[in-house]
Amino acid sequence: MTGYYDYVLGLIPAALIGVTAALMSVGLPLVSAVPIGATVTIGLMGHAMFVNSPADGTPVRSDTPATAGSATASRPTPTNAD
């Protein structure tokens, strides 16, 4: 099953090469076309990481005991101040 992140991984090289080739075909030099293509690619990666992030957004409680009957699970873990 192909998901959003599979498409993003496929679009990264396609955008870099495609935008660079398209800009070069209209007469922009390679030195200018590559940074513009890279900017589009970075935009795709930024969208995948920050706008549509892979985290579900539900905070995980750390004070929930792993096993209900364990004596060590009921004690809170000490905080290291160092």
N, C-alpha and C. Protein backbone atom coordinates (compact mmCIF):
# COMPACT_ATOMS: atom_id res chain seq x y z
N MET A 1 0.84 -1.17 0.00
CA MET A 1 0.00 0.00 0.00
C MET A 1 0.89 1.24 0.00
N THR A 2 0.68 2.09 -0.95
CA THR A 2 1.49 3.28 -1.09
C THR A 2 0.86 4.42 -0.30
N GLY A 3 1.67 5.03 0.55
CA GLY A 3 1.19 6.11 1.39
C GLY A 3 1.81 7.44 1.01
N TYR A 4 1.49 8.45 1.79
CA TYR A 4 1.95 9.81 1.55
C TYR A 4 3.48 9.89 1.53
N TYR A 5 4.12 9.24 2.49
CA TYR A 5 5.57 9.34 2.59
C TYR A 5 6.28 8.59 1.48
N ASP A 6 5.65 7.56 0.93
CA ASP A 6 6.22 6.89 -0.24
C ASP A 6 6.21 7.83 -1.44
N TYR A 7 5.14 8.58 -1.59
CA TYR A 7 5.08 9.56 -2.68
C TYR A 7 6.12 10.66 -2.49
N VAL A 8 6.29 11.12 -1.25
CA VAL A 8 7.27 12.17 -0.98
C VAL A 8 8.67 11.66 -1.31
N LEU A 9 8.98 10.43 -0.92
CA LEU A 9 10.30 9.87 -1.23
C LEU A 9 10.53 9.76 -2.73
N GLY A 10 9.50 9.47 -3.47
CA GLY A 10 9.63 9.41 -4.92
C GLY A 10 9.71 10.78 -5.57
N LEU A 11 9.04 11.76 -4.96
CA LEU A 11 9.04 13.11 -5.53
C LEU A 11 10.33 13.88 -5.26
N ILE A 12 11.09 13.48 -4.27
CA ILE A 12 12.33 14.22 -3.95
C ILE A 12 13.28 14.24 -5.16
N PRO A 13 13.70 13.09 -5.68
CA PRO A 13 14.59 13.17 -6.86
C PRO A 13 13.85 13.65 -8.12
N ALA A 14 12.56 13.31 -8.23
CA ALA A 14 11.81 13.73 -9.42
C ALA A 14 11.68 15.25 -9.46
N ALA A 15 11.44 15.87 -8.32
CA ALA A 15 11.33 17.33 -8.28
C ALA A 15 12.67 17.99 -8.57
N LEU A 16 13.72 17.47 -7.97
CA LEU A 16 15.05 18.07 -8.19
C LEU A 16 15.44 17.98 -9.66
N ILE A 17 15.31 16.80 -10.23
CA ILE A 17 15.71 16.62 -11.63
C ILE A 17 14.71 17.30 -12.57
N GLY A 18 13.41 17.14 -12.29
CA GLY A 18 12.39 17.68 -13.17
C GLY A 18 12.36 19.19 -13.22
N VAL A 19 12.41 19.83 -12.05
CA VAL A 19 12.39 21.30 -12.02
C VAL A 19 13.66 21.85 -12.64
N THR A 20 14.79 21.21 -12.35
CA THR A 20 16.05 21.67 -12.93
C THR A 20 16.01 21.54 -14.45
N ALA A 21 15.53 20.41 -14.95
CA ALA A 21 15.45 20.22 -16.41
C ALA A 21 14.47 21.19 -17.05
N ALA A 22 13.34 21.43 -16.39
CA ALA A 22 12.35 22.35 -16.94
C ALA A 22 12.90 23.78 -17.01
N LEU A 23 13.60 24.17 -15.98
CA LEU A 23 14.17 25.52 -15.97
C LEU A 23 15.29 25.66 -16.99
N MET A 24 16.07 24.60 -17.16
CA MET A 24 17.13 24.64 -18.17
C MET A 24 16.55 24.66 -19.58
N SER A 25 15.40 24.02 -19.76
CA SER A 25 14.80 23.99 -21.11
C SER A 25 14.23 25.35 -21.52
N VAL A 26 13.93 26.20 -20.54
CA VAL A 26 13.45 27.54 -20.89
C VAL A 26 14.58 28.56 -20.94
N GLY A 27 15.82 28.09 -20.74
CA GLY A 27 16.96 28.98 -20.95
C GLY A 27 17.70 29.41 -19.70
N LEU A 28 17.29 28.96 -18.53
CA LEU A 28 17.99 29.33 -17.30
C LEU A 28 19.27 28.49 -17.19
N PRO A 29 20.39 29.09 -16.82
CA PRO A 29 21.63 28.31 -16.70
C PRO A 29 21.56 27.30 -15.55
N LEU A 30 22.37 26.27 -15.67
CA LEU A 30 22.40 25.19 -14.67
C LEU A 30 22.72 25.72 -13.28
N VAL A 31 23.58 26.71 -13.19
CA VAL A 31 23.98 27.28 -11.90
C VAL A 31 22.78 27.91 -11.18
N SER A 32 21.81 28.37 -11.91
CA SER A 32 20.61 28.96 -11.30
C SER A 32 19.48 27.94 -11.17
N ALA A 33 19.41 26.98 -12.07
CA ALA A 33 18.32 26.02 -12.08
C ALA A 33 18.41 25.02 -10.94
N VAL A 34 19.61 24.59 -10.59
CA VAL A 34 19.78 23.60 -9.52
C VAL A 34 19.34 24.14 -8.16
N PRO A 35 19.74 25.35 -7.75
CA PRO A 35 19.24 25.84 -6.46
C PRO A 35 17.72 26.03 -6.41
N ILE A 36 17.12 26.39 -7.51
CA ILE A 36 15.66 26.53 -7.53
C ILE A 36 15.00 25.17 -7.41
N GLY A 37 15.54 24.17 -8.10
CA GLY A 37 15.03 22.80 -7.97
C GLY A 37 15.23 22.25 -6.57
N ALA A 38 16.36 22.59 -5.96
CA ALA A 38 16.62 22.14 -4.59
C ALA A 38 15.68 22.82 -3.60
N THR A 39 15.31 24.06 -3.87
CA THR A 39 14.37 24.76 -2.99
C THR A 39 13.00 24.09 -3.03
N VAL A 40 12.57 23.67 -4.21
CA VAL A 40 11.30 22.96 -4.32
C VAL A 40 11.38 21.63 -3.57
N THR A 41 12.50 20.94 -3.70
CA THR A 41 12.69 19.67 -3.01
C THR A 41 12.69 19.85 -1.50
N ILE A 42 13.35 20.87 -1.01
CA ILE A 42 13.37 21.15 0.43
C ILE A 42 11.97 21.50 0.92
N GLY A 43 11.19 22.17 0.08
CA GLY A 43 9.81 22.46 0.43
C GLY A 43 8.98 21.19 0.60
N LEU A 44 9.20 20.21 -0.28
CA LEU A 44 8.51 18.92 -0.15
C LEU A 44 8.90 18.22 1.16
N MET A 45 10.18 18.22 1.46
CA MET A 45 10.63 17.56 2.70
C MET A 45 10.12 18.30 3.93
N GLY A 46 10.11 19.62 3.88
CA GLY A 46 9.59 20.40 5.01
C GLY A 46 8.12 20.15 5.23
N HIS A 47 7.37 20.01 4.15
CA HIS A 47 5.94 19.71 4.28
C HIS A 47 5.74 18.34 4.92
N ALA A 48 6.54 17.37 4.50
CA ALA A 48 6.40 16.02 5.04
C ALA A 48 6.82 15.94 6.51
N MET A 49 7.77 16.77 6.92
CA MET A 49 8.26 16.69 8.30
C MET A 49 7.45 17.54 9.26
N PHE A 50 7.00 18.72 8.83
CA PHE A 50 6.41 19.66 9.78
C PHE A 50 4.91 19.88 9.59
N VAL A 51 4.44 19.91 8.36
CA VAL A 51 3.01 20.15 8.13
C VAL A 51 2.22 18.85 8.27
N ASN A 52 2.69 17.80 7.64
CA ASN A 52 2.03 16.50 7.70
C ASN A 52 2.97 15.52 8.37
N SER A 53 3.26 15.76 9.65
CA SER A 53 4.28 14.98 10.35
C SER A 53 3.82 13.55 10.60
N PRO A 54 4.77 12.62 10.71
CA PRO A 54 4.41 11.23 10.93
C PRO A 54 3.94 10.94 12.35
N ALA A 55 4.13 11.84 13.30
CA ALA A 55 3.67 11.61 14.67
C ALA A 55 2.16 11.77 14.72
N ASP A 56 1.52 10.96 15.56
CA ASP A 56 0.06 11.03 15.63
C ASP A 56 -0.43 12.15 16.53
N GLY A 57 0.43 12.77 17.29
CA GLY A 57 0.07 13.92 18.11
C GLY A 57 -0.53 13.57 19.46
N THR A 58 -0.69 12.30 19.77
CA THR A 58 -1.23 11.90 21.06
C THR A 58 -0.08 11.74 22.04
N PRO A 59 -0.07 12.51 23.12
CA PRO A 59 1.02 12.36 24.08
C PRO A 59 0.94 11.02 24.81
N VAL A 60 2.10 10.45 25.04
CA VAL A 60 2.19 9.17 25.75
C VAL A 60 2.50 9.46 27.20
N ARG A 61 1.70 8.91 28.10
CA ARG A 61 1.93 9.13 29.53
C ARG A 61 3.08 8.25 29.99
N SER A 62 4.03 8.86 30.65
CA SER A 62 5.18 8.09 31.14
C SER A 62 4.95 7.55 32.54
N ASP A 63 3.90 7.99 33.24
CA ASP A 63 3.66 7.50 34.58
C ASP A 63 2.73 6.29 34.60
N THR A 64 2.33 5.79 33.45
CA THR A 64 1.49 4.60 33.39
C THR A 64 2.39 3.39 33.62
N PRO A 65 2.05 2.52 34.58
CA PRO A 65 2.90 1.36 34.83
C PRO A 65 2.86 0.38 33.66
N ALA A 66 4.02 -0.21 33.41
CA ALA A 66 4.12 -1.16 32.30
C ALA A 66 3.37 -2.44 32.62
N THR A 67 3.50 -2.93 33.85
CA THR A 67 2.76 -4.11 34.29
C THR A 67 2.06 -3.75 35.59
N ALA A 68 0.82 -4.12 35.72
CA ALA A 68 0.02 -3.70 36.86
C ALA A 68 0.48 -4.33 38.17
N GLY A 69 0.99 -5.56 38.16
CA GLY A 69 1.34 -6.24 39.39
C GLY A 69 2.78 -6.05 39.83
N SER A 70 3.57 -5.36 39.09
CA SER A 70 4.98 -5.22 39.40
C SER A 70 5.19 -4.19 40.50
N ALA A 71 6.10 -4.49 41.42
CA ALA A 71 6.39 -3.56 42.52
C ALA A 71 7.20 -2.37 42.03
N THR A 72 8.04 -2.58 41.02
CA THR A 72 8.86 -1.49 40.52
C THR A 72 8.07 -0.57 39.60
N ALA A 73 6.96 -1.05 39.05
CA ALA A 73 6.18 -0.22 38.13
C ALA A 73 5.42 0.88 38.87
N SER A 74 5.16 0.69 40.16
CA SER A 74 4.39 1.70 40.89
C SER A 74 5.26 2.85 41.37
N ARG A 75 6.58 2.67 41.43
CA ARG A 75 7.46 3.74 41.85
C ARG A 75 7.78 4.64 40.68
N PRO A 76 7.76 5.96 40.90
CA PRO A 76 8.13 6.86 39.80
C PRO A 76 9.63 6.80 39.55
N THR A 77 10.02 7.02 38.33
CA THR A 77 11.45 7.01 38.01
C THR A 77 12.07 8.32 38.49
N PRO A 78 13.24 8.27 39.10
CA PRO A 78 13.87 9.49 39.61
C PRO A 78 14.34 10.37 38.44
N THR A 79 14.30 11.67 38.66
CA THR A 79 14.74 12.63 37.65
C THR A 79 16.21 12.93 37.86
N ASN A 80 16.98 12.86 36.81
CA ASN A 80 18.39 13.14 36.87
C ASN A 80 18.57 14.64 36.59
N ALA A 81 19.13 15.37 37.55
CA ALA A 81 19.28 16.80 37.41
C ALA A 81 20.57 17.19 36.68
N ASP A 82 21.41 16.23 36.39
CA ASP A 82 22.69 16.55 35.73
C ASP A 82 22.53 16.74 34.27
